[in-house]
Amino acid sequence: MRRRRVLFLCTHNSARSQMAEGFLRTVAANSFEAASAGTEATRVHPLAIRVMGEVGVDLSRHTSKTADSLVAEPWDYVITVCDSANERCPVFPRRTTRIHWSFEDPSRATGSDEEQLQTFRRIRDEIMGKLRAWLSDQAEEPG
């Protein structure tokens, strides 16, 4: 059976899309091929790397990429994980299913280092919950 291809998009490809990619690669690598990109490229946020490491997902080798570099590839699903990326999502020339999940940008968290870390953990957990529910729905679809 062919693995379905999923591209996660956010604005900077620094946290939310990187976390979603890492989770999908970890929990469903036999069924899905995952990648992530942004409408702009920056760097993978150090706190995203840290909180994902806490749950056994290594993002240390991930790099930030732009959606334009991946738009010509065949994607079964393009999942935007922030409102800005949803609004600025490029047109994918091949048939794909677009899905939008809106998560707060943890890189905009303010406060102490511990408060920022807690925000990254909360968003990580929200992404994982949404991804688990989506995978459950995928398993129930005939196919």
N, C-alpha and C. Protein backbone atom coordinates (compact mmCIF):
# COMPACT_ATOMS: atom_id res chain seq x y z
N MET A 1 0.83 -1.18 0.00
CA MET A 1 0.00 0.00 0.00
C MET A 1 0.88 1.25 0.00
N ARG A 2 0.51 2.22 -0.82
CA ARG A 2 1.26 3.47 -0.93
C ARG A 2 1.05 4.34 0.30
N ARG A 3 2.13 4.89 0.79
CA ARG A 3 2.01 5.83 1.91
C ARG A 3 1.45 7.15 1.38
N ARG A 4 0.48 7.69 2.08
CA ARG A 4 -0.09 8.99 1.70
C ARG A 4 0.86 10.09 2.12
N ARG A 5 0.94 11.13 1.30
CA ARG A 5 1.88 12.23 1.53
C ARG A 5 1.16 13.42 2.13
N VAL A 6 1.73 13.95 3.23
CA VAL A 6 1.13 15.06 3.96
C VAL A 6 2.15 16.18 4.09
N LEU A 7 1.73 17.39 3.72
CA LEU A 7 2.56 18.58 3.89
C LEU A 7 1.89 19.49 4.90
N PHE A 8 2.60 19.82 5.98
CA PHE A 8 2.12 20.75 6.99
C PHE A 8 2.70 22.13 6.69
N LEU A 9 1.85 23.14 6.69
CA LEU A 9 2.29 24.51 6.39
C LEU A 9 1.97 25.45 7.53
N CYS A 10 2.92 26.32 7.86
CA CYS A 10 2.66 27.46 8.74
C CYS A 10 3.45 28.64 8.19
N THR A 11 3.49 29.71 8.91
CA THR A 11 4.11 30.92 8.38
C THR A 11 5.63 30.78 8.24
N HIS A 12 6.31 30.45 9.33
CA HIS A 12 7.78 30.45 9.30
C HIS A 12 8.41 29.06 9.29
N ASN A 13 7.60 28.03 9.35
CA ASN A 13 8.13 26.66 9.40
C ASN A 13 9.15 26.52 10.53
N SER A 14 8.79 27.10 11.68
CA SER A 14 9.73 27.09 12.80
C SER A 14 9.24 26.29 14.01
N ALA A 15 7.92 26.11 14.14
CA ALA A 15 7.41 25.42 15.33
C ALA A 15 6.23 24.51 15.00
N ARG A 16 5.06 25.09 14.74
CA ARG A 16 3.84 24.29 14.59
C ARG A 16 3.94 23.24 13.49
N SER A 17 4.31 23.64 12.30
CA SER A 17 4.40 22.68 11.20
C SER A 17 5.51 21.67 11.43
N GLN A 18 6.59 22.10 12.04
CA GLN A 18 7.70 21.19 12.36
C GLN A 18 7.26 20.14 13.37
N MET A 19 6.50 20.58 14.39
CA MET A 19 6.02 19.63 15.40
C MET A 19 5.05 18.64 14.77
N ALA A 20 4.14 19.11 13.92
CA ALA A 20 3.17 18.22 13.28
C ALA A 20 3.90 17.20 12.39
N GLU A 21 4.88 17.66 11.63
CA GLU A 21 5.66 16.74 10.80
C GLU A 21 6.35 15.69 11.65
N GLY A 22 7.00 16.13 12.71
CA GLY A 22 7.72 15.19 13.58
C GLY A 22 6.80 14.15 14.19
N PHE A 23 5.63 14.59 14.66
CA PHE A 23 4.67 13.65 15.24
C PHE A 23 4.19 12.64 14.21
N LEU A 24 3.80 13.12 13.03
CA LEU A 24 3.28 12.18 12.03
C LEU A 24 4.35 11.17 11.63
N ARG A 25 5.57 11.63 11.46
CA ARG A 25 6.67 10.71 11.14
C ARG A 25 6.86 9.67 12.23
N THR A 26 6.64 10.06 13.47
CA THR A 26 6.87 9.17 14.60
C THR A 26 5.73 8.17 14.79
N VAL A 27 4.49 8.62 14.68
CA VAL A 27 3.37 7.74 15.02
C VAL A 27 2.75 7.01 13.84
N ALA A 28 3.03 7.46 12.61
CA ALA A 28 2.36 6.82 11.46
C ALA A 28 3.26 6.71 10.24
N ALA A 29 4.53 6.45 10.46
CA ALA A 29 5.48 6.40 9.34
C ALA A 29 5.16 5.30 8.34
N ASN A 30 4.48 4.25 8.77
CA ASN A 30 4.15 3.17 7.84
C ASN A 30 3.04 3.56 6.87
N SER A 31 2.21 4.52 7.26
CA SER A 31 1.06 4.91 6.45
C SER A 31 1.21 6.26 5.78
N PHE A 32 2.05 7.13 6.35
CA PHE A 32 2.17 8.49 5.85
C PHE A 32 3.61 8.91 5.67
N GLU A 33 3.84 9.72 4.65
CA GLU A 33 5.11 10.42 4.46
C GLU A 33 4.84 11.87 4.79
N ALA A 34 5.62 12.46 5.68
CA ALA A 34 5.34 13.82 6.16
C ALA A 34 6.47 14.77 5.81
N ALA A 35 6.07 16.02 5.56
CA ALA A 35 7.02 17.11 5.35
C ALA A 35 6.37 18.37 5.90
N SER A 36 7.17 19.42 6.04
CA SER A 36 6.61 20.69 6.48
C SER A 36 7.34 21.81 5.75
N ALA A 37 6.65 22.95 5.69
CA ALA A 37 7.21 24.13 5.04
C ALA A 37 6.48 25.36 5.56
N GLY A 38 6.96 26.52 5.17
CA GLY A 38 6.33 27.77 5.57
C GLY A 38 6.12 28.68 4.39
N THR A 39 5.28 29.67 4.58
CA THR A 39 5.15 30.68 3.54
C THR A 39 6.43 31.51 3.48
N GLU A 40 7.19 31.49 4.57
CA GLU A 40 8.53 32.07 4.65
C GLU A 40 9.39 31.05 5.41
N ALA A 41 10.68 31.06 5.17
CA ALA A 41 11.56 30.15 5.91
C ALA A 41 12.38 30.95 6.92
N THR A 42 12.56 30.38 8.10
CA THR A 42 13.41 31.00 9.12
C THR A 42 14.36 29.95 9.68
N ARG A 43 14.05 29.46 10.86
CA ARG A 43 14.83 28.39 11.50
C ARG A 43 13.88 27.62 12.39
N VAL A 44 14.26 26.42 12.74
CA VAL A 44 13.44 25.65 13.67
C VAL A 44 13.70 26.22 15.07
N HIS A 45 12.64 26.59 15.74
CA HIS A 45 12.75 27.25 17.03
C HIS A 45 13.35 26.29 18.06
N PRO A 46 14.34 26.75 18.82
CA PRO A 46 14.98 25.88 19.83
C PRO A 46 14.00 25.30 20.85
N LEU A 47 12.96 26.05 21.22
CA LEU A 47 12.00 25.51 22.18
C LEU A 47 11.12 24.43 21.55
N ALA A 48 10.88 24.52 20.24
CA ALA A 48 10.15 23.45 19.56
C ALA A 48 10.98 22.17 19.59
N ILE A 49 12.25 22.30 19.33
CA ILE A 49 13.15 21.14 19.38
C ILE A 49 13.15 20.55 20.79
N ARG A 50 13.22 21.42 21.78
CA ARG A 50 13.28 20.96 23.18
C ARG A 50 12.02 20.23 23.61
N VAL A 51 10.84 20.83 23.36
CA VAL A 51 9.61 20.19 23.85
C VAL A 51 9.28 18.92 23.08
N MET A 52 9.67 18.85 21.83
CA MET A 52 9.45 17.62 21.09
C MET A 52 10.39 16.52 21.60
N GLY A 53 11.61 16.90 21.93
CA GLY A 53 12.54 15.94 22.52
C GLY A 53 12.01 15.34 23.81
N GLU A 54 11.23 16.14 24.56
CA GLU A 54 10.65 15.65 25.81
C GLU A 54 9.70 14.49 25.59
N VAL A 55 9.11 14.39 24.39
CA VAL A 55 8.17 13.30 24.09
C VAL A 55 8.77 12.31 23.08
N GLY A 56 10.11 12.36 22.93
CA GLY A 56 10.79 11.37 22.11
C GLY A 56 10.79 11.62 20.62
N VAL A 57 10.53 12.87 20.21
CA VAL A 57 10.54 13.21 18.79
C VAL A 57 11.71 14.16 18.54
N ASP A 58 12.66 13.74 17.71
CA ASP A 58 13.87 14.52 17.46
C ASP A 58 13.69 15.44 16.26
N LEU A 59 13.68 16.74 16.51
CA LEU A 59 13.62 17.73 15.42
C LEU A 59 14.97 18.39 15.18
N SER A 60 16.01 17.93 15.83
CA SER A 60 17.30 18.62 15.78
C SER A 60 17.90 18.70 14.38
N ARG A 61 17.51 17.81 13.50
CA ARG A 61 18.05 17.84 12.14
C ARG A 61 17.09 18.47 11.13
N HIS A 62 15.92 18.90 11.60
CA HIS A 62 14.95 19.55 10.72
C HIS A 62 15.46 20.92 10.30
N THR A 63 15.11 21.33 9.10
CA THR A 63 15.43 22.66 8.62
C THR A 63 14.15 23.33 8.14
N SER A 64 14.17 24.65 8.13
CA SER A 64 13.02 25.42 7.68
C SER A 64 13.06 25.52 6.16
N LYS A 65 11.89 25.27 5.53
CA LYS A 65 11.79 25.30 4.07
C LYS A 65 10.60 26.16 3.67
N THR A 66 10.60 26.63 2.42
CA THR A 66 9.44 27.38 1.94
C THR A 66 8.52 26.46 1.15
N ALA A 67 7.24 26.79 1.18
CA ALA A 67 6.24 26.01 0.46
C ALA A 67 6.52 26.02 -1.04
N ASP A 68 7.03 27.14 -1.54
CA ASP A 68 7.30 27.24 -2.98
C ASP A 68 8.23 26.13 -3.46
N SER A 69 9.14 25.69 -2.60
CA SER A 69 10.09 24.64 -3.00
C SER A 69 9.44 23.26 -3.09
N LEU A 70 8.21 23.12 -2.56
CA LEU A 70 7.54 21.83 -2.52
C LEU A 70 6.21 21.80 -3.27
N VAL A 71 5.81 22.92 -3.84
CA VAL A 71 4.47 23.04 -4.41
C VAL A 71 4.24 22.11 -5.60
N ALA A 72 5.26 21.79 -6.35
CA ALA A 72 5.10 20.94 -7.54
C ALA A 72 5.03 19.45 -7.20
N GLU A 73 5.36 19.09 -5.98
CA GLU A 73 5.34 17.68 -5.59
C GLU A 73 3.89 17.21 -5.36
N PRO A 74 3.65 15.92 -5.52
CA PRO A 74 2.29 15.41 -5.26
C PRO A 74 2.04 15.25 -3.76
N TRP A 75 0.99 15.91 -3.26
CA TRP A 75 0.61 15.82 -1.85
C TRP A 75 -0.82 15.35 -1.77
N ASP A 76 -1.06 14.31 -1.00
CA ASP A 76 -2.43 13.86 -0.77
C ASP A 76 -3.17 14.85 0.11
N TYR A 77 -2.45 15.41 1.09
CA TYR A 77 -3.04 16.38 2.02
C TYR A 77 -2.07 17.53 2.21
N VAL A 78 -2.62 18.74 2.22
CA VAL A 78 -1.89 19.93 2.63
C VAL A 78 -2.65 20.47 3.83
N ILE A 79 -1.98 20.47 4.98
CA ILE A 79 -2.64 20.89 6.22
C ILE A 79 -1.97 22.17 6.72
N THR A 80 -2.73 23.26 6.69
CA THR A 80 -2.23 24.52 7.24
C THR A 80 -2.50 24.51 8.73
N VAL A 81 -1.51 24.97 9.51
CA VAL A 81 -1.64 24.92 10.96
C VAL A 81 -1.66 26.31 11.59
N CYS A 82 -1.86 27.33 10.74
CA CYS A 82 -2.06 28.69 11.25
C CYS A 82 -2.90 29.46 10.25
N ASP A 83 -3.59 30.48 10.74
CA ASP A 83 -4.49 31.24 9.88
C ASP A 83 -3.75 31.96 8.76
N SER A 84 -2.58 32.51 9.06
CA SER A 84 -1.82 33.23 8.03
C SER A 84 -1.43 32.31 6.89
N ALA A 85 -0.96 31.12 7.20
CA ALA A 85 -0.59 30.17 6.14
C ALA A 85 -1.82 29.74 5.35
N ASN A 86 -2.94 29.61 6.02
CA ASN A 86 -4.17 29.24 5.33
C ASN A 86 -4.55 30.32 4.30
N GLU A 87 -4.41 31.58 4.70
CA GLU A 87 -4.74 32.69 3.81
C GLU A 87 -3.73 32.84 2.67
N ARG A 88 -2.48 32.51 2.94
CA ARG A 88 -1.41 32.71 1.95
C ARG A 88 -0.94 31.41 1.30
N CYS A 89 -1.68 30.35 1.50
CA CYS A 89 -1.29 29.04 0.97
C CYS A 89 -1.20 29.10 -0.55
N PRO A 90 -0.10 28.63 -1.12
CA PRO A 90 0.01 28.63 -2.58
C PRO A 90 -0.97 27.64 -3.20
N VAL A 91 -1.18 27.80 -4.46
CA VAL A 91 -2.02 26.86 -5.21
C VAL A 91 -1.16 25.66 -5.56
N PHE A 92 -1.66 24.49 -5.24
CA PHE A 92 -0.95 23.26 -5.56
C PHE A 92 -1.52 22.72 -6.86
N PRO A 93 -0.69 22.55 -7.88
CA PRO A 93 -1.20 22.19 -9.21
C PRO A 93 -1.77 20.78 -9.31
N ARG A 94 -1.37 19.91 -8.43
CA ARG A 94 -1.89 18.54 -8.45
C ARG A 94 -3.05 18.42 -7.49
N ARG A 95 -3.84 17.39 -7.68
CA ARG A 95 -4.99 17.17 -6.81
C ARG A 95 -4.51 16.92 -5.39
N THR A 96 -5.08 17.65 -4.45
CA THR A 96 -4.75 17.51 -3.03
C THR A 96 -5.96 17.87 -2.19
N THR A 97 -6.00 17.39 -0.98
CA THR A 97 -7.04 17.75 -0.05
C THR A 97 -6.46 18.77 0.92
N ARG A 98 -7.08 19.96 0.97
CA ARG A 98 -6.63 21.01 1.88
C ARG A 98 -7.41 20.92 3.17
N ILE A 99 -6.68 21.00 4.28
CA ILE A 99 -7.27 20.97 5.61
C ILE A 99 -6.67 22.14 6.39
N HIS A 100 -7.47 22.77 7.23
CA HIS A 100 -6.95 23.88 8.05
C HIS A 100 -7.17 23.60 9.53
N TRP A 101 -6.08 23.66 10.29
CA TRP A 101 -6.11 23.59 11.74
C TRP A 101 -5.47 24.87 12.25
N SER A 102 -6.11 25.58 13.13
CA SER A 102 -5.57 26.84 13.62
C SER A 102 -4.99 26.65 15.02
N PHE A 103 -3.69 26.86 15.13
CA PHE A 103 -3.00 26.79 16.42
C PHE A 103 -2.32 28.13 16.69
N GLU A 104 -2.31 28.53 17.94
CA GLU A 104 -1.60 29.72 18.38
C GLU A 104 -0.10 29.56 18.05
N ASP A 105 0.56 30.68 17.74
CA ASP A 105 1.99 30.65 17.44
C ASP A 105 2.77 30.67 18.74
N PRO A 106 3.39 29.56 19.13
CA PRO A 106 4.11 29.53 20.41
C PRO A 106 5.35 30.43 20.40
N SER A 107 5.89 30.72 19.23
CA SER A 107 7.08 31.57 19.18
C SER A 107 6.77 33.02 19.54
N ARG A 108 5.49 33.35 19.64
CA ARG A 108 5.10 34.70 20.06
C ARG A 108 4.82 34.78 21.56
N ALA A 109 5.07 33.69 22.25
CA ALA A 109 4.83 33.66 23.70
C ALA A 109 5.74 34.67 24.40
N THR A 110 5.18 35.28 25.44
CA THR A 110 5.95 36.22 26.24
C THR A 110 6.01 35.71 27.66
N GLY A 111 6.74 36.42 28.48
CA GLY A 111 6.87 36.03 29.88
C GLY A 111 8.22 35.41 30.15
N SER A 112 8.29 34.74 31.28
CA SER A 112 9.55 34.11 31.68
C SER A 112 9.89 32.94 30.75
N ASP A 113 11.11 32.46 30.84
CA ASP A 113 11.53 31.30 30.05
C ASP A 113 10.60 30.12 30.31
N GLU A 114 10.24 29.93 31.58
CA GLU A 114 9.36 28.81 31.95
C GLU A 114 7.97 29.00 31.35
N GLU A 115 7.45 30.22 31.34
CA GLU A 115 6.14 30.48 30.74
C GLU A 115 6.15 30.22 29.23
N GLN A 116 7.23 30.63 28.58
CA GLN A 116 7.34 30.36 27.14
C GLN A 116 7.42 28.86 26.88
N LEU A 117 8.17 28.17 27.69
CA LEU A 117 8.29 26.72 27.56
C LEU A 117 6.92 26.04 27.75
N GLN A 118 6.15 26.51 28.71
CA GLN A 118 4.82 25.96 28.94
C GLN A 118 3.91 26.19 27.73
N THR A 119 4.05 27.35 27.07
CA THR A 119 3.25 27.62 25.87
C THR A 119 3.61 26.64 24.77
N PHE A 120 4.90 26.40 24.56
CA PHE A 120 5.32 25.43 23.54
C PHE A 120 4.78 24.04 23.87
N ARG A 121 4.81 23.66 25.14
CA ARG A 121 4.28 22.35 25.53
C ARG A 121 2.78 22.25 25.26
N ARG A 122 2.05 23.31 25.57
CA ARG A 122 0.60 23.30 25.36
C ARG A 122 0.28 23.18 23.87
N ILE A 123 0.97 23.93 23.03
CA ILE A 123 0.72 23.86 21.59
C ILE A 123 1.13 22.50 21.05
N ARG A 124 2.25 21.96 21.53
CA ARG A 124 2.67 20.61 21.15
C ARG A 124 1.57 19.61 21.44
N ASP A 125 1.01 19.68 22.63
CA ASP A 125 -0.03 18.74 23.03
C ASP A 125 -1.31 18.92 22.22
N GLU A 126 -1.65 20.18 21.90
CA GLU A 126 -2.82 20.44 21.06
C GLU A 126 -2.63 19.85 19.66
N ILE A 127 -1.45 20.02 19.11
CA ILE A 127 -1.15 19.48 17.77
C ILE A 127 -1.25 17.96 17.81
N MET A 128 -0.68 17.34 18.82
CA MET A 128 -0.72 15.89 18.91
C MET A 128 -2.15 15.39 19.05
N GLY A 129 -2.96 16.08 19.83
CA GLY A 129 -4.36 15.68 19.98
C GLY A 129 -5.12 15.77 18.67
N LYS A 130 -4.91 16.86 17.95
CA LYS A 130 -5.59 17.04 16.66
C LYS A 130 -5.11 15.98 15.66
N LEU A 131 -3.83 15.71 15.66
CA LEU A 131 -3.27 14.73 14.74
C LEU A 131 -3.78 13.32 15.06
N ARG A 132 -3.87 12.97 16.33
CA ARG A 132 -4.40 11.65 16.71
C ARG A 132 -5.86 11.50 16.26
N ALA A 133 -6.66 12.56 16.45
CA ALA A 133 -8.06 12.51 16.02
C ALA A 133 -8.15 12.36 14.51
N TRP A 134 -7.32 13.10 13.78
CA TRP A 134 -7.32 13.02 12.32
C TRP A 134 -6.90 11.62 11.86
N LEU A 135 -5.88 11.06 12.48
CA LEU A 135 -5.45 9.71 12.12
C LEU A 135 -6.54 8.69 12.41
N SER A 136 -7.26 8.87 13.49
CA SER A 136 -8.38 7.98 13.81
C SER A 136 -9.45 8.06 12.71
N ASP A 137 -9.77 9.29 12.28
CA ASP A 137 -10.74 9.47 11.18
C ASP A 137 -10.23 8.81 9.89
N GLN A 138 -8.94 8.91 9.63
CA GLN A 138 -8.36 8.32 8.41
C GLN A 138 -8.51 6.80 8.44
N ALA A 139 -8.32 6.23 9.61
CA ALA A 139 -8.41 4.77 9.74
C ALA A 139 -9.84 4.27 9.51
N GLU A 140 -10.82 5.14 9.78
CA GLU A 140 -12.22 4.75 9.62
C GLU A 140 -12.73 4.93 8.20
N GLU A 141 -12.01 5.74 7.38
CA GLU A 141 -12.46 5.95 6.00
C GLU A 141 -12.17 4.72 5.16
N PRO A 142 -13.10 4.35 4.29
CA PRO A 142 -12.83 3.23 3.39
C PRO A 142 -11.73 3.61 2.41
N GLY A 143 -10.90 2.70 2.08
CA GLY A 143 -9.87 3.14 1.19
C GLY A 143 -9.03 2.15 0.63
